Amino acid sequence: MTGDFIKIKCPDCANEQIAFKKAATKVTCNVCGSTLIVPKGGVGEIKGEVLEVVG
């Protein structure tokens, strides 16, 4: 399966991290704790900037 992971930039602290775009639980920033992805039963609602699709 390609394109299931994304590199996302936190809107609050500019930290970049890789996350599963179909997350079943809320994804938060590893640095500041800001919400990056909210689960929606499929592709989550992405709160940060998507920088690239990984794998």
PDB file of N, CA and C in Angstrom:
ATOM      1  N   MET A   1       0.851  -1.182   0.000  1.00  0.00           N
ATOM      2  CA  MET A   1       0.000   0.000   0.000  1.00  0.00           C
ATOM      3  C   MET A   1       0.891   1.238   0.000  1.00  0.00           C
ATOM      4  N   THR A   2       0.751   2.050  -0.992  1.00  0.00           N
ATOM      5  CA  THR A   2       1.570   3.250  -1.076  1.00  0.00           C
ATOM      6  C   THR A   2       0.770   4.472  -0.669  1.00  0.00           C
ATOM      7  N   GLY A   3       1.464   5.435  -0.121  1.00  0.00           N
ATOM      8  CA  GLY A   3       0.824   6.692   0.212  1.00  0.00           C
ATOM      9  C   GLY A   3       0.050   6.715   1.505  1.00  0.00           C
ATOM     10  N   ASP A   4       0.255   5.724   2.374  1.00  0.00           N
ATOM     11  CA  ASP A   4      -0.482   5.700   3.630  1.00  0.00           C
ATOM     12  C   ASP A   4       0.168   6.549   4.715  1.00  0.00           C
ATOM     13  N   PHE A   5       1.430   6.893   4.537  1.00  0.00           N
ATOM     14  CA  PHE A   5       2.131   7.720   5.508  1.00  0.00           C
ATOM     15  C   PHE A   5       2.449   9.076   4.890  1.00  0.00           C
ATOM     16  N   ILE A   6       2.392  10.117   5.714  1.00  0.00           N
ATOM     17  CA  ILE A   6       2.688  11.462   5.244  1.00  0.00           C
ATOM     18  C   ILE A   6       3.659  12.141   6.202  1.00  0.00           C
ATOM     19  N   LYS A   7       4.458  13.033   5.647  1.00  0.00           N
ATOM     20  CA  LYS A   7       5.280  13.905   6.486  1.00  0.00           C
ATOM     21  C   LYS A   7       4.478  15.179   6.674  1.00  0.00           C
ATOM     22  N   ILE A   8       4.226  15.521   7.916  1.00  0.00           N
ATOM     23  CA  ILE A   8       3.356  16.647   8.238  1.00  0.00           C
ATOM     24  C   ILE A   8       4.116  17.664   9.085  1.00  0.00           C
ATOM     25  N   LYS A   9       3.845  18.943   8.832  1.00  0.00           N
ATOM     26  CA  LYS A   9       4.485  20.028   9.569  1.00  0.00           C
ATOM     27  C   LYS A   9       3.498  20.607  10.571  1.00  0.00           C
ATOM     28  N   CYS A  10       3.918  20.696  11.826  1.00  0.00           N
ATOM     29  CA  CYS A  10       3.063  21.234  12.880  1.00  0.00           C
ATOM     30  C   CYS A  10       2.791  22.718  12.626  1.00  0.00           C
ATOM     31  N   PRO A  11       1.526  23.129  12.710  1.00  0.00           N
ATOM     32  CA  PRO A  11       1.205  24.546  12.482  1.00  0.00           C
ATOM     33  C   PRO A  11       1.658  25.469  13.619  1.00  0.00           C
ATOM     34  N   ASP A  12       1.943  24.902  14.787  1.00  0.00           N
ATOM     35  CA  ASP A  12       2.322  25.728  15.936  1.00  0.00           C
ATOM     36  C   ASP A  12       3.826  25.872  16.134  1.00  0.00           C
ATOM     37  N   CYS A  13       4.585  24.764  15.950  1.00  0.00           N
ATOM     38  CA  CYS A  13       6.023  24.839  16.255  1.00  0.00           C
ATOM     39  C   CYS A  13       6.914  24.492  15.062  1.00  0.00           C
ATOM     40  N   ALA A  14       6.333  24.148  13.923  1.00  0.00           N
ATOM     41  CA  ALA A  14       7.047  23.825  12.684  1.00  0.00           C
ATOM     42  C   ALA A  14       7.826  22.513  12.752  1.00  0.00           C
ATOM     43  N   ASN A  15       7.566  21.677  13.769  1.00  0.00           N
ATOM     44  CA  ASN A  15       8.180  20.357  13.824  1.00  0.00           C
ATOM     45  C   ASN A  15       7.642  19.520  12.665  1.00  0.00           C
ATOM     46  N   GLU A  16       8.509  18.693  12.077  1.00  0.00           N
ATOM     47  CA  GLU A  16       8.092  17.803  10.999  1.00  0.00           C
ATOM     48  C   GLU A  16       8.134  16.370  11.506  1.00  0.00           C
ATOM     49  N   GLN A  17       7.073  15.617  11.246  1.00  0.00           N
ATOM     50  CA  GLN A  17       7.064  14.212  11.638  1.00  0.00           C
ATOM     51  C   GLN A  17       6.244  13.405  10.662  1.00  0.00           C
ATOM     52  N   ILE A  18       6.467  12.089  10.667  1.00  0.00           N
ATOM     53  CA  ILE A  18       5.755  11.182   9.781  1.00  0.00           C
ATOM     54  C   ILE A  18       4.610  10.549  10.553  1.00  0.00           C
ATOM     55  N   ALA A  19       3.441  10.480   9.919  1.00  0.00           N
ATOM     56  CA  ALA A  19       2.255   9.923  10.571  1.00  0.00           C
ATOM     57  C   ALA A  19       1.440   9.124   9.561  1.00  0.00           C
ATOM     58  N   PHE A  20       0.616   8.223  10.072  1.00  0.00           N
ATOM     59  CA  PHE A  20      -0.311   7.440   9.272  1.00  0.00           C
ATOM     60  C   PHE A  20      -1.532   8.306   8.989  1.00  0.00           C
ATOM     61  N   LYS A  21      -1.845   8.525   7.709  1.00  0.00           N
ATOM     62  CA  LYS A  21      -2.919   9.467   7.388  1.00  0.00           C
ATOM     63  C   LYS A  21      -4.316   8.928   7.688  1.00  0.00           C
ATOM     64  N   LYS A  22      -4.451   7.607   7.896  1.00  0.00           N
ATOM     65  CA  LYS A  22      -5.741   7.011   8.245  1.00  0.00           C
ATOM     66  C   LYS A  22      -5.738   6.624   9.724  1.00  0.00           C
ATOM     67  N   ALA A  23      -5.247   7.498  10.553  1.00  0.00           N
ATOM     68  CA  ALA A  23      -5.092   7.224  11.984  1.00  0.00           C
ATOM     69  C   ALA A  23      -6.434   6.948  12.659  1.00  0.00           C
ATOM     70  N   ALA A  24      -6.443   5.967  13.564  1.00  0.00           N
ATOM     71  CA  ALA A  24      -7.648   5.624  14.314  1.00  0.00           C
ATOM     72  C   ALA A  24      -7.749   6.436  15.607  1.00  0.00           C
ATOM     73  N   THR A  25      -6.633   7.030  16.013  1.00  0.00           N
ATOM     74  CA  THR A  25      -6.619   7.881  17.203  1.00  0.00           C
ATOM     75  C   THR A  25      -5.993   9.223  16.831  1.00  0.00           C
ATOM     76  N   LYS A  26      -6.217  10.218  17.664  1.00  0.00           N
ATOM     77  CA  LYS A  26      -5.688  11.558  17.410  1.00  0.00           C
ATOM     78  C   LYS A  26      -4.159  11.511  17.383  1.00  0.00           C
ATOM     79  N   VAL A  27      -3.567  12.165  16.385  1.00  0.00           N
ATOM     80  CA  VAL A  27      -2.111  12.255  16.278  1.00  0.00           C
ATOM     81  C   VAL A  27      -1.699  13.639  16.746  1.00  0.00           C
ATOM     82  N   THR A  28      -0.759  13.685  17.698  1.00  0.00           N
ATOM     83  CA  THR A  28      -0.290  14.960  18.221  1.00  0.00           C
ATOM     84  C   THR A  28       1.181  15.162  17.908  1.00  0.00           C
ATOM     85  N   CYS A  29       1.610  16.405  17.929  1.00  0.00           N
ATOM     86  CA  CYS A  29       2.994  16.774  17.680  1.00  0.00           C
ATOM     87  C   CYS A  29       3.873  16.225  18.800  1.00  0.00           C
ATOM     88  N   ASN A  30       5.011  15.654  18.425  1.00  0.00           N
ATOM     89  CA  ASN A  30       5.945  15.101  19.402  1.00  0.00           C
ATOM     90  C   ASN A  30       6.635  16.183  20.224  1.00  0.00           C
ATOM     91  N   VAL A  31       6.633  17.419  19.748  1.00  0.00           N
ATOM     92  CA  VAL A  31       7.342  18.501  20.433  1.00  0.00           C
ATOM     93  C   VAL A  31       6.399  19.319  21.317  1.00  0.00           C
ATOM     94  N   CYS A  32       5.325  19.855  20.731  1.00  0.00           N
ATOM     95  CA  CYS A  32       4.471  20.782  21.482  1.00  0.00           C
ATOM     96  C   CYS A  32       3.118  20.203  21.886  1.00  0.00           C
ATOM     97  N   GLY A  33       2.746  19.025  21.347  1.00  0.00           N
ATOM     98  CA  GLY A  33       1.481  18.400  21.713  1.00  0.00           C
ATOM     99  C   GLY A  33       0.270  18.881  20.940  1.00  0.00           C
ATOM    100  N   SER A  34       0.464  19.749  19.961  1.00  0.00           N
ATOM    101  CA  SER A  34      -0.640  20.244  19.135  1.00  0.00           C
ATOM    102  C   SER A  34      -1.236  19.106  18.305  1.00  0.00           C
ATOM    103  N   THR A  35      -2.532  19.149  18.042  1.00  0.00           N
ATOM    104  CA  THR A  35      -3.199  18.118  17.248  1.00  0.00           C
ATOM    105  C   THR A  35      -2.822  18.262  15.777  1.00  0.00           C
ATOM    106  N   LEU A  36      -2.370  17.149  15.178  1.00  0.00           N
ATOM    107  CA  LEU A  36      -1.991  17.148  13.764  1.00  0.00           C
ATOM    108  C   LEU A  36      -3.026  16.450  12.893  1.00  0.00           C
ATOM    109  N   ILE A  37      -3.575  15.326  13.375  1.00  0.00           N
ATOM    110  CA  ILE A  37      -4.575  14.580  12.612  1.00  0.00           C
ATOM    111  C   ILE A  37      -5.704  14.159  13.551  1.00  0.00           C
ATOM    112  N   VAL A  38      -6.941  14.425  13.120  1.00  0.00           N
ATOM    113  CA  VAL A  38      -8.123  14.016  13.869  1.00  0.00           C
ATOM    114  C   VAL A  38      -8.768  12.868  13.089  1.00  0.00           C
ATOM    115  N   PRO A  39      -9.008  11.700  13.731  1.00  0.00           N
ATOM    116  CA  PRO A  39      -9.600  10.568  13.012  1.00  0.00           C
ATOM    117  C   PRO A  39     -11.023  10.858  12.544  1.00  0.00           C
ATOM    118  N   LYS A  40     -11.344  10.402  11.329  1.00  0.00           N
ATOM    119  CA  LYS A  40     -12.673  10.636  10.746  1.00  0.00           C
ATOM    120  C   LYS A  40     -13.248   9.365  10.123  1.00  0.00           C
ATOM    121  N   GLY A  41     -12.758   8.179  10.502  1.00  0.00           N
ATOM    122  CA  GLY A  41     -13.282   6.938   9.959  1.00  0.00           C
ATOM    123  C   GLY A  41     -12.685   6.543   8.621  1.00  0.00           C
ATOM    124  N   GLY A  42     -11.751   7.230   8.142  1.00  0.00           N
ATOM    125  CA  GLY A  42     -11.035   6.971   6.890  1.00  0.00           C
ATOM    126  C   GLY A  42      -9.791   7.814   6.937  1.00  0.00           C
ATOM    127  N   VAL A  43      -9.583   8.620   5.925  1.00  0.00           N
ATOM    128  CA  VAL A  43      -8.479   9.570   5.973  1.00  0.00           C
ATOM    129  C   VAL A  43      -8.840  10.641   6.993  1.00  0.00           C
ATOM    130  N   GLY A  44      -7.924  10.868   7.928  1.00  0.00           N
ATOM    131  CA  GLY A  44      -8.198  11.828   8.994  1.00  0.00           C
ATOM    132  C   GLY A  44      -8.188  13.270   8.530  1.00  0.00           C
ATOM    133  N   GLU A  45      -8.740  14.134   9.358  1.00  0.00           N
ATOM    134  CA  GLU A  45      -8.709  15.570   9.098  1.00  0.00           C
ATOM    135  C   GLU A  45      -7.322  16.074   9.481  1.00  0.00           C
ATOM    136  N   ILE A  46      -6.562  16.525   8.499  1.00  0.00           N
ATOM    137  CA  ILE A  46      -5.180  16.935   8.693  1.00  0.00           C
ATOM    138  C   ILE A  46      -5.129  18.416   9.061  1.00  0.00           C
ATOM    139  N   LYS A  47      -4.546  18.718  10.212  1.00  0.00           N
ATOM    140  CA  LYS A  47      -4.502  20.094  10.725  1.00  0.00           C
ATOM    141  C   LYS A  47      -3.223  20.822  10.328  1.00  0.00           C
ATOM    142  N   GLY A  48      -2.166  20.079  10.016  1.00  0.00           N
ATOM    143  CA  GLY A  48      -0.894  20.694   9.645  1.00  0.00           C
ATOM    144  C   GLY A  48      -0.713  20.705   8.139  1.00  0.00           C
ATOM    145  N   GLU A  49       0.465  21.115   7.718  1.00  0.00           N
ATOM    146  CA  GLU A  49       0.799  21.164   6.291  1.00  0.00           C
ATOM    147  C   GLU A  49       1.430  19.843   5.878  1.00  0.00           C
ATOM    148  N   VAL A  50       0.891  19.209   4.845  1.00  0.00           N
ATOM    149  CA  VAL A  50       1.466  17.970   4.323  1.00  0.00           C
ATOM    150  C   VAL A  50       2.659  18.336   3.444  1.00  0.00           C
ATOM    151  N   LEU A  51       3.838  17.860   3.824  1.00  0.00           N
ATOM    152  CA  LEU A  51       5.049  18.169   3.090  1.00  0.00           C
ATOM    153  C   LEU A  51       5.335  17.171   2.001  1.00  0.00           C
ATOM    154  N   GLU A  52       5.063  15.877   2.269  1.00  0.00           N
ATOM    155  CA  GLU A  52       5.257  14.848   1.247  1.00  0.00           C
ATOM    156  C   GLU A  52       4.552  13.562   1.659  1.00  0.00           C
ATOM    157  N   VAL A  53       4.297  12.720   0.651  1.00  0.00           N
ATOM    158  CA  VAL A  53       3.741  11.396   0.882  1.00  0.00           C
ATOM    159  C   VAL A  53       4.916  10.437   0.963  1.00  0.00           C
ATOM    160  N   VAL A  54       4.927   9.606   2.006  1.00  0.00           N
ATOM    161  CA  VAL A  54       6.031   8.681   2.237  1.00  0.00           C
ATOM    162  C   VAL A  54       5.530   7.265   2.047  1.00  0.00           C
ATOM    163  N   GLY A  55       6.211   6.512   1.183  1.00  0.00           N
ATOM    164  CA  GLY A  55       5.919   5.088   0.988  1.00  0.00           C
ATOM    165  C   GLY A  55       4.552   4.809   0.618  1.00  0.00           C
TER     166      GLY A  55
END
